[in-house]
Amino acid sequence: MVTLLLVAKDAHAYLDPNTGSIILQAVIAFLASSTVLVLSYWQKIKGYFGRGQSKDKAADKPEPAASERSTRE
């Protein structure tokens, strides 16, 4: 069995133009889907690699002045 794998024979293979088109479409689809995936999880990725940032950003924000508060409160 190993001998069959080590002895190379001519393959007489053919790739038609449509095969190249399909490969190109697969590469473009992979790049597009990877971009959408990264963009959809961008905030989580950014938070994971963020350094020294507090997780509770609401506590870091100052209280708005009385004139800036909404009337719904």
Protein backbone atom coordinates (compact mmCIF):
# COMPACT_ATOMS: atom_id res chain seq x y z
CA MET A 1 0.00 0.00 0.00
CA VAL A 2 2.85 2.39 0.84
CA THR A 3 4.45 1.57 -2.50
CA LEU A 4 1.31 2.70 -4.32
CA LEU A 5 1.41 6.04 -2.51
CA LEU A 6 5.11 6.61 -3.20
CA VAL A 7 5.00 5.81 -6.92
CA ALA A 8 3.61 8.79 -8.79
CA LYS A 9 1.57 8.32 -11.95
CA ASP A 10 0.31 10.85 -14.46
CA ALA A 11 -3.10 12.18 -13.41
CA HIS A 12 -4.59 13.40 -16.72
CA ALA A 13 -6.83 15.73 -14.72
CA TYR A 14 -8.71 18.71 -16.11
CA LEU A 15 -10.08 21.80 -14.41
CA ASP A 16 -12.56 23.63 -16.59
CA PRO A 17 -13.14 27.41 -16.33
CA ASN A 18 -16.27 26.89 -14.23
CA THR A 19 -14.20 25.23 -11.51
CA GLY A 20 -12.07 28.35 -11.18
CA SER A 21 -15.22 30.45 -10.95
CA ILE A 22 -16.62 28.24 -8.18
CA ILE A 23 -13.35 28.46 -6.23
CA LEU A 24 -13.36 32.25 -6.60
CA GLN A 25 -16.97 32.44 -5.38
CA ALA A 26 -16.12 30.27 -2.37
CA VAL A 27 -13.21 32.53 -1.43
CA ILE A 28 -15.35 35.68 -1.77
CA ALA A 29 -18.16 34.08 0.27
CA PHE A 30 -15.69 33.10 3.00
CA LEU A 31 -14.26 36.62 3.18
CA ALA A 32 -17.71 38.23 3.25
CA SER A 33 -19.04 35.91 5.95
CA SER A 34 -15.88 36.35 8.03
CA THR A 35 -16.27 40.12 7.81
CA VAL A 36 -19.90 39.97 8.91
CA LEU A 37 -19.00 37.65 11.79
CA VAL A 38 -16.20 39.90 13.03
CA LEU A 39 -18.32 43.02 12.74
CA SER A 40 -21.24 41.43 14.58
CA TYR A 41 -19.00 40.49 17.52
CA TRP A 42 -16.79 43.59 17.36
CA GLN A 43 -17.82 45.00 20.75
CA LYS A 44 -17.11 41.69 22.49
CA ILE A 45 -13.76 41.39 20.75
CA LYS A 46 -12.86 44.98 21.61
CA GLY A 47 -13.88 44.44 25.24
CA TYR A 48 -11.85 41.25 25.45
CA PHE A 49 -8.66 42.94 24.28
CA GLY A 50 -9.30 46.23 26.11
CA ARG A 51 -6.71 47.09 28.73
CA GLY A 52 -7.46 48.65 32.07
CA GLN A 53 -11.00 49.61 31.23
CA SER A 54 -13.66 49.18 33.86
CA LYS A 55 -16.51 46.85 33.02
CA ASP A 56 -19.11 49.15 34.59
CA LYS A 57 -18.94 52.21 32.35
CA ALA A 58 -22.19 53.59 33.76
CA ALA A 59 -20.48 54.18 37.11
CA ASP A 60 -17.73 56.19 35.41
CA LYS A 61 -20.13 58.64 33.76
CA PRO A 62 -20.98 61.80 35.72
CA GLU A 63 -24.56 62.49 36.79
CA PRO A 64 -26.31 64.81 34.26
CA ALA A 65 -27.26 68.28 35.46
CA ALA A 66 -30.87 68.94 36.46
CA SER A 67 -31.48 70.99 33.31
CA GLU A 68 -30.31 68.08 31.11
CA ARG A 69 -32.57 65.44 32.68
CA SER A 70 -35.63 64.37 30.76
CA THR A 71 -39.09 65.33 31.97
CA ARG A 72 -40.17 61.66 32.05
CA GLU A 73 -38.41 60.99 35.36
